[in-house]
């Protein structure tokens, strides 16, 4: 399996190492083009406002939203859990208008 680990903040190196130990081919996702190599995506924990800003500045926000809306990765609990926290933070205005979903 080809797994992407969002490598913007958090314990992405540790997530990569675990996936590799389980036999996955891992891509550290830092730019939108990296998403094309992924069948699944792990989003390590981190502070939601910082994550929102990093997703915007890296250009990853819109491609991630598109993949969620078209059904890619929507059955992965890690992705949905992290995405739900991110969406809730954005909806609550924690990013002060910096993020729109």
C-alpha atoms as a PDB file:
ATOM      1  CA  UNK A   1       0.000   0.000   0.000  1.00  0.00           C
ATOM      2  CA  UNK A   2       1.139   3.546  -0.762  1.00  0.00           C
ATOM      3  CA  UNK A   3       0.585   5.710   2.306  1.00  0.00           C
ATOM      4  CA  UNK A   4       1.086   9.434   2.630  1.00  0.00           C
ATOM      5  CA  UNK A   5       1.976  11.036   5.934  1.00  0.00           C
ATOM      6  CA  UNK A   6       1.208  14.733   6.149  1.00  0.00           C
ATOM      7  CA  UNK A   7       4.648  16.147   6.987  1.00  0.00           C
ATOM      8  CA  UNK A   8       3.825  19.704   8.017  1.00  0.00           C
ATOM      9  CA  UNK A   9       3.941  19.333  11.813  1.00  0.00           C
ATOM     10  CA  UNK A  10       3.540  16.703  14.483  1.00  0.00           C
ATOM     11  CA  UNK A  11       5.148  13.282  14.759  1.00  0.00           C
ATOM     12  CA  UNK A  12       5.238  12.570  11.032  1.00  0.00           C
ATOM     13  CA  UNK A  13       8.639  10.842  11.158  1.00  0.00           C
ATOM     14  CA  UNK A  14       7.382   8.349  13.729  1.00  0.00           C
ATOM     15  CA  UNK A  15       4.228   7.734  11.679  1.00  0.00           C
ATOM     16  CA  UNK A  16       6.380   7.123   8.591  1.00  0.00           C
ATOM     17  CA  UNK A  17       8.605   4.673  10.454  1.00  0.00           C
ATOM     18  CA  UNK A  18       5.632   2.643  11.718  1.00  0.00           C
ATOM     19  CA  UNK A  19       4.082   2.473   8.253  1.00  0.00           C
ATOM     20  CA  UNK A  20       7.378   1.377   6.720  1.00  0.00           C
ATOM     21  CA  UNK A  21       7.794  -1.282   9.405  1.00  0.00           C
ATOM     22  CA  UNK A  22       4.366  -2.603   8.388  1.00  0.00           C
ATOM     23  CA  UNK A  23       5.488  -2.838   4.765  1.00  0.00           C
ATOM     24  CA  UNK A  24       3.903   0.301   3.308  1.00  0.00           C
ATOM     25  CA  UNK A  25       5.565   2.546   0.765  1.00  0.00           C
ATOM     26  CA  UNK A  26       5.483   5.979   2.398  1.00  0.00           C
ATOM     27  CA  UNK A  27       5.491   9.486   0.968  1.00  0.00           C
ATOM     28  CA  UNK A  28       5.993  12.468   3.247  1.00  0.00           C
ATOM     29  CA  UNK A  29       3.328  14.843   1.927  1.00  0.00           C
ATOM     30  CA  UNK A  30       4.443  18.475   1.850  1.00  0.00           C
ATOM     31  CA  UNK A  31       3.028  19.764  -1.448  1.00  0.00           C
ATOM     32  CA  UNK A  32      -0.101  18.905  -3.459  1.00  0.00           C
ATOM     33  CA  UNK A  33       1.819  16.842  -6.019  1.00  0.00           C
ATOM     34  CA  UNK A  34       2.763  14.359  -3.290  1.00  0.00           C
ATOM     35  CA  UNK A  35      -0.916  13.425  -2.827  1.00  0.00           C
ATOM     36  CA  UNK A  36      -1.030  11.676  -6.197  1.00  0.00           C
ATOM     37  CA  UNK A  37       1.304   8.972  -4.890  1.00  0.00           C
ATOM     38  CA  UNK A  38      -1.017   8.106  -1.977  1.00  0.00           C
ATOM     39  CA  UNK A  39      -3.754   5.530  -1.555  1.00  0.00           C
ATOM     40  CA  UNK A  40      -4.252   6.596   2.059  1.00  0.00           C
ATOM     41  CA  UNK A  41      -3.248   9.577   4.159  1.00  0.00           C
ATOM     42  CA  UNK A  42      -2.252   9.856   7.805  1.00  0.00           C
ATOM     43  CA  UNK A  43      -2.511  13.260   9.439  1.00  0.00           C
ATOM     44  CA  UNK A  44      -0.430  13.331  12.619  1.00  0.00           C
ATOM     45  CA  UNK A  45      -1.858  15.327  15.486  1.00  0.00           C
ATOM     46  CA  UNK A  46      -0.953  18.927  15.960  1.00  0.00           C
ATOM     47  CA  UNK A  47      -2.372  22.285  16.874  1.00  0.00           C
ATOM     48  CA  UNK A  48      -5.408  22.945  14.663  1.00  0.00           C
ATOM     49  CA  UNK A  49      -4.866  26.642  13.957  1.00  0.00           C
ATOM     50  CA  UNK A  50      -1.259  25.990  12.962  1.00  0.00           C
ATOM     51  CA  UNK A  51      -2.337  23.018  10.826  1.00  0.00           C
ATOM     52  CA  UNK A  52      -4.936  25.164   9.076  1.00  0.00           C
ATOM     53  CA  UNK A  53      -2.357  27.802   8.214  1.00  0.00           C
ATOM     54  CA  UNK A  54       0.209  25.248   7.069  1.00  0.00           C
ATOM     55  CA  UNK A  55      -2.360  23.565   4.837  1.00  0.00           C
ATOM     56  CA  UNK A  56      -3.130  26.925   3.222  1.00  0.00           C
ATOM     57  CA  UNK A  57       0.469  28.063   2.769  1.00  0.00           C
ATOM     58  CA  UNK A  58       1.570  24.675   1.394  1.00  0.00           C
ATOM     59  CA  UNK A  59      -1.282  24.625  -1.114  1.00  0.00           C
ATOM     60  CA  UNK A  60      -2.614  21.360   0.334  1.00  0.00           C
ATOM     61  CA  UNK A  61      -5.934  22.627   1.701  1.00  0.00           C
ATOM     62  CA  UNK A  62      -7.969  22.668  -1.525  1.00  0.00           C
ATOM     63  CA  UNK A  63      -6.642  19.337  -2.887  1.00  0.00           C
ATOM     64  CA  UNK A  64      -7.439  17.662   0.457  1.00  0.00           C
ATOM     65  CA  UNK A  65     -10.955  19.100   0.428  1.00  0.00           C
ATOM     66  CA  UNK A  66     -11.422  17.878  -3.153  1.00  0.00           C
ATOM     67  CA  UNK A  67     -10.305  14.350  -2.242  1.00  0.00           C
ATOM     68  CA  UNK A  68     -12.654  14.282   0.721  1.00  0.00           C
ATOM     69  CA  UNK A  69     -15.585  15.457  -1.400  1.00  0.00           C
ATOM     70  CA  UNK A  70     -14.937  12.955  -4.190  1.00  0.00           C
ATOM     71  CA  UNK A  71     -14.790  10.062  -1.729  1.00  0.00           C
ATOM     72  CA  UNK A  72     -11.065   9.340  -1.681  1.00  0.00           C
ATOM     73  CA  UNK A  73      -9.838   8.375   1.785  1.00  0.00           C
ATOM     74  CA  UNK A  74     -13.303   8.849   3.246  1.00  0.00           C
ATOM     75  CA  UNK A  75     -13.286   5.410   4.856  1.00  0.00           C
ATOM     76  CA  UNK A  76     -10.078   5.995   6.831  1.00  0.00           C
ATOM     77  CA  UNK A  77     -10.749   6.709  10.471  1.00  0.00           C
ATOM     78  CA  UNK A  78      -7.370   8.458  10.977  1.00  0.00           C
ATOM     79  CA  UNK A  79      -8.078  10.822   8.120  1.00  0.00           C
ATOM     80  CA  UNK A  80     -11.671  11.472   9.151  1.00  0.00           C
ATOM     81  CA  UNK A  81     -10.774  11.999  12.781  1.00  0.00           C
ATOM     82  CA  UNK A  82      -8.085  14.542  11.967  1.00  0.00           C
ATOM     83  CA  UNK A  83     -10.198  16.151   9.270  1.00  0.00           C
ATOM     84  CA  UNK A  84     -13.168  16.425  11.634  1.00  0.00           C
ATOM     85  CA  UNK A  85     -11.030  18.204  14.228  1.00  0.00           C
ATOM     86  CA  UNK A  86      -9.651  20.523  11.559  1.00  0.00           C
ATOM     87  CA  UNK A  87     -13.102  21.278  10.138  1.00  0.00           C
ATOM     88  CA  UNK A  88     -14.552  21.893  13.583  1.00  0.00           C
ATOM     89  CA  UNK A  89     -11.732  24.295  14.432  1.00  0.00           C
ATOM     90  CA  UNK A  90     -12.249  26.182  11.190  1.00  0.00           C
ATOM     91  CA  UNK A  91     -16.013  26.302  11.674  1.00  0.00           C
ATOM     92  CA  UNK A  92     -15.598  27.607  15.208  1.00  0.00           C
ATOM     93  CA  UNK A  93     -13.494  30.464  13.914  1.00  0.00           C
ATOM     94  CA  UNK A  94     -10.324  29.398  15.717  1.00  0.00           C
ATOM     95  CA  UNK A  95      -8.393  30.377  12.632  1.00  0.00           C
ATOM     96  CA  UNK A  96     -10.024  33.833  12.656  1.00  0.00           C
ATOM     97  CA  UNK A  97     -11.187  33.709   9.060  1.00  0.00           C
ATOM     98  CA  UNK A  98      -7.927  32.216   7.838  1.00  0.00           C
ATOM     99  CA  UNK A  99      -9.528  28.938   6.736  1.00  0.00           C
ATOM    100  CA  UNK A 100     -12.683  28.196   4.792  1.00  0.00           C
ATOM    101  CA  UNK A 101     -13.951  24.731   4.007  1.00  0.00           C
END
